């Protein structure tokens, strides 16, 4: 899988971002959520308007993982005021790392993660943090393996349903 490219997303690729965003969110969470909550979230959370606004935010960056031009995963990082919680100028938030199901276990997530750390270091961030759903053991163990520690919890609402995210952070050397 060594020919996977990690590239910053360009304006002309927002359609592809919407597609991979919806696909991977659905693959990750549809089993544990009602169809209605899921449908609404996919429509609103990944609408063209919302993604375009996020894309145009100077404090957020999106990257694709591509295998021979096919988008197989993506990364979203936030800094400054665009962070979803801490809004610490010394931090970078990994908001999303999603990989298409068929490519799980092929180090795609690790490549996207490595990119996030590279960006954090370029920005002079002192630490990286993220929120991960408490019922996503795969993701939790991935971040623990990469040295993240739990420091807090917060509630994420999907439709009417309240879910708990575990907050984790990693101090950069």
Protein backbone atom coordinates (compact mmCIF):
# COMPACT_ATOMS: atom_id res chain seq x y z
CA UNK A 1 0.00 0.00 0.00
CA UNK A 2 3.03 2.25 -0.23
CA UNK A 3 1.68 4.29 -3.15
CA UNK A 4 -0.90 6.06 -0.98
CA UNK A 5 -0.63 9.83 -1.37
CA UNK A 6 -1.65 12.33 1.31
CA UNK A 7 -2.68 15.58 -0.37
CA UNK A 8 -4.28 18.81 0.73
CA UNK A 9 -7.81 19.04 -0.64
CA UNK A 10 -8.45 21.64 -3.33
CA UNK A 11 -11.67 23.62 -3.88
CA UNK A 12 -12.59 21.50 -6.89
CA UNK A 13 -12.63 18.39 -4.70
CA UNK A 14 -15.43 19.32 -2.29
CA UNK A 15 -17.77 16.84 -4.03
CA UNK A 16 -15.29 14.06 -3.31
CA UNK A 17 -14.98 15.26 0.27
CA UNK A 18 -18.76 15.08 0.66
CA UNK A 19 -18.79 11.57 -0.79
CA UNK A 20 -15.99 10.13 1.38
CA UNK A 21 -17.30 12.04 4.41
CA UNK A 22 -20.78 10.57 4.14
CA UNK A 23 -19.54 7.10 3.24
CA UNK A 24 -17.09 6.76 6.12
CA UNK A 25 -19.39 8.34 8.72
CA UNK A 26 -22.12 5.93 7.72
CA UNK A 27 -19.78 2.93 7.79
CA UNK A 28 -18.49 3.91 11.22
CA UNK A 29 -21.71 4.82 13.01
CA UNK A 30 -24.82 3.48 11.22
CA UNK A 31 -25.08 0.26 13.24
CA UNK A 32 -25.33 2.15 16.51
CA UNK A 33 -27.69 4.93 15.47
CA UNK A 34 -31.28 5.20 14.29
CA UNK A 35 -31.76 5.51 10.56
CA UNK A 36 -33.50 8.87 10.96
CA UNK A 37 -30.76 10.45 13.12
CA UNK A 38 -28.19 9.11 10.69
CA UNK A 39 -29.98 10.41 7.60
CA UNK A 40 -30.42 13.90 9.08
CA UNK A 41 -26.82 14.10 10.22
CA UNK A 42 -25.47 12.97 6.85
CA UNK A 43 -27.61 15.59 5.08
CA UNK A 44 -26.81 18.49 7.41
CA UNK A 45 -23.32 17.60 8.63
CA UNK A 46 -22.06 16.91 5.13
CA UNK A 47 -24.06 19.43 3.13
CA UNK A 48 -22.23 21.24 0.35
CA UNK A 49 -22.69 24.58 2.17
CA UNK A 50 -21.31 23.31 5.47
CA UNK A 51 -18.31 21.59 3.89
CA UNK A 52 -17.53 24.64 1.75
CA UNK A 53 -17.64 26.89 4.81
CA UNK A 54 -15.37 24.49 6.73
CA UNK A 55 -13.04 24.23 3.76
CA UNK A 56 -12.78 28.03 3.48
CA UNK A 57 -11.98 28.44 7.19
CA UNK A 58 -8.37 29.57 7.47
CA UNK A 59 -8.02 27.72 10.78
CA UNK A 60 -8.97 24.32 9.34
CA UNK A 61 -7.24 22.07 6.85
CA UNK A 62 -8.43 18.97 5.02
CA UNK A 63 -6.26 16.25 3.52
CA UNK A 64 -7.18 13.26 1.36
CA UNK A 65 -5.56 9.84 1.36
CA UNK A 66 -5.55 8.72 -2.26
CA UNK A 67 -4.67 5.43 -3.85
CA UNK A 68 -4.20 5.86 -7.61
CA UNK A 69 -6.50 8.91 -7.67
CA UNK A 70 -9.22 7.15 -5.65
CA UNK A 71 -10.04 8.91 -2.37
CA UNK A 72 -9.87 6.28 0.39
CA UNK A 73 -9.81 8.45 3.51
CA UNK A 74 -9.49 11.97 4.85
CA UNK A 75 -8.21 14.10 7.68
CA UNK A 76 -9.52 17.34 9.15
CA UNK A 77 -7.43 19.40 11.56
CA UNK A 78 -8.36 22.64 13.35
CA UNK A 79 -6.35 25.27 15.15
CA UNK A 80 -7.05 28.57 16.88
CA UNK A 81 -10.72 29.48 17.20
CA UNK A 82 -11.85 26.72 14.88
CA UNK A 83 -11.14 24.01 17.43
CA UNK A 84 -14.40 22.44 18.56
CA UNK A 85 -13.59 22.73 22.27
CA UNK A 86 -10.36 23.86 23.82
CA UNK A 87 -9.57 26.73 21.42
CA UNK A 88 -6.02 26.81 22.76
CA UNK A 89 -3.63 28.68 20.46
CA UNK A 90 -0.89 26.23 21.45
CA UNK A 91 -2.89 23.20 20.33
CA UNK A 92 -4.03 21.46 17.18
CA UNK A 93 -7.24 19.43 17.11
CA UNK A 94 -7.59 16.32 14.99
CA UNK A 95 -11.31 16.56 14.32
CA UNK A 96 -11.61 13.73 11.83
CA UNK A 97 -9.57 10.83 10.55
CA UNK A 98 -11.80 8.52 8.52
CA UNK A 99 -10.80 5.69 6.23
CA UNK A 100 -13.07 3.69 3.91
CA UNK A 101 -13.90 0.35 5.52
CA UNK A 102 -12.24 -1.77 2.84
CA UNK A 103 -8.94 -0.05 3.62
CA UNK A 104 -9.04 -0.51 7.40
CA UNK A 105 -5.90 -2.12 8.77
CA UNK A 106 -3.79 -0.95 5.83
CA UNK A 107 -2.02 1.91 7.67
CA UNK A 108 -4.05 4.61 5.89
CA UNK A 109 -5.18 6.07 9.22
CA UNK A 110 -1.58 6.10 10.42
CA UNK A 111 -0.47 8.05 7.33
CA UNK A 112 -3.23 10.62 7.86
CA UNK A 113 -2.35 10.79 11.55
CA UNK A 114 1.34 11.32 10.72
CA UNK A 115 0.30 14.20 8.45
CA UNK A 116 -1.66 15.79 11.32
CA UNK A 117 1.40 15.60 13.58
CA UNK A 118 3.57 17.11 10.84
CA UNK A 119 1.11 20.02 10.47
CA UNK A 120 1.00 20.49 14.27
CA UNK A 121 4.79 20.72 14.40
CA UNK A 122 4.89 23.18 11.49
CA UNK A 123 2.40 25.34 13.38
CA UNK A 124 4.50 25.18 16.53
CA UNK A 125 1.73 23.45 18.48
CA UNK A 126 2.65 22.18 21.93
CA UNK A 127 0.08 19.42 21.93
CA UNK A 128 -2.53 17.67 19.80
CA UNK A 129 -5.96 16.70 21.11
CA UNK A 130 -9.11 15.00 19.87
CA UNK A 131 -12.45 13.59 20.92
CA UNK A 132 -13.22 9.94 20.21
CA UNK A 133 -16.54 8.17 20.73
CA UNK A 134 -16.34 5.97 23.83
CA UNK A 135 -17.85 3.06 21.90
CA UNK A 136 -15.18 3.13 19.21
CA UNK A 137 -12.51 0.87 20.78
CA UNK A 138 -10.62 0.61 17.49
CA UNK A 139 -9.99 4.34 17.42
CA UNK A 140 -9.23 4.59 21.14
CA UNK A 141 -6.57 1.90 20.95
CA UNK A 142 -5.10 3.51 17.81
CA UNK A 143 -4.60 6.81 19.64
CA UNK A 144 -3.31 5.13 22.80
CA UNK A 145 -0.79 3.26 20.67
CA UNK A 146 0.32 6.66 19.36
CA UNK A 147 0.86 7.95 22.89
CA UNK A 148 -2.40 9.81 23.57
CA UNK A 149 -3.76 10.02 27.12
CA UNK A 150 -7.37 10.54 28.21
CA UNK A 151 -8.02 13.83 29.98
CA UNK A 152 -11.76 14.53 29.85
CA UNK A 153 -15.15 13.58 28.41
CA UNK A 154 -17.80 15.50 26.55
CA UNK A 155 -21.25 14.94 25.13
CA UNK A 156 -21.83 14.76 21.39
CA UNK A 157 -25.40 14.94 20.12
CA UNK A 158 -26.44 12.92 17.09
CA UNK A 159 -30.02 13.94 16.52
CA UNK A 160 -31.82 13.35 19.82
CA UNK A 161 -29.21 10.90 20.99
CA UNK A 162 -26.52 11.95 23.45
CA UNK A 163 -23.20 10.16 23.13
CA UNK A 164 -20.02 10.44 25.12
CA UNK A 165 -16.71 11.34 23.52
CA UNK A 166 -13.47 10.66 25.34
CA UNK A 167 -11.05 13.57 25.05
CA UNK A 168 -7.44 12.57 24.51
CA UNK A 169 -4.24 14.52 24.09
CA UNK A 170 -0.62 14.13 23.16
CA UNK A 171 2.16 16.47 24.17
CA UNK A 172 4.58 17.14 21.32
CA UNK A 173 8.29 17.00 21.98
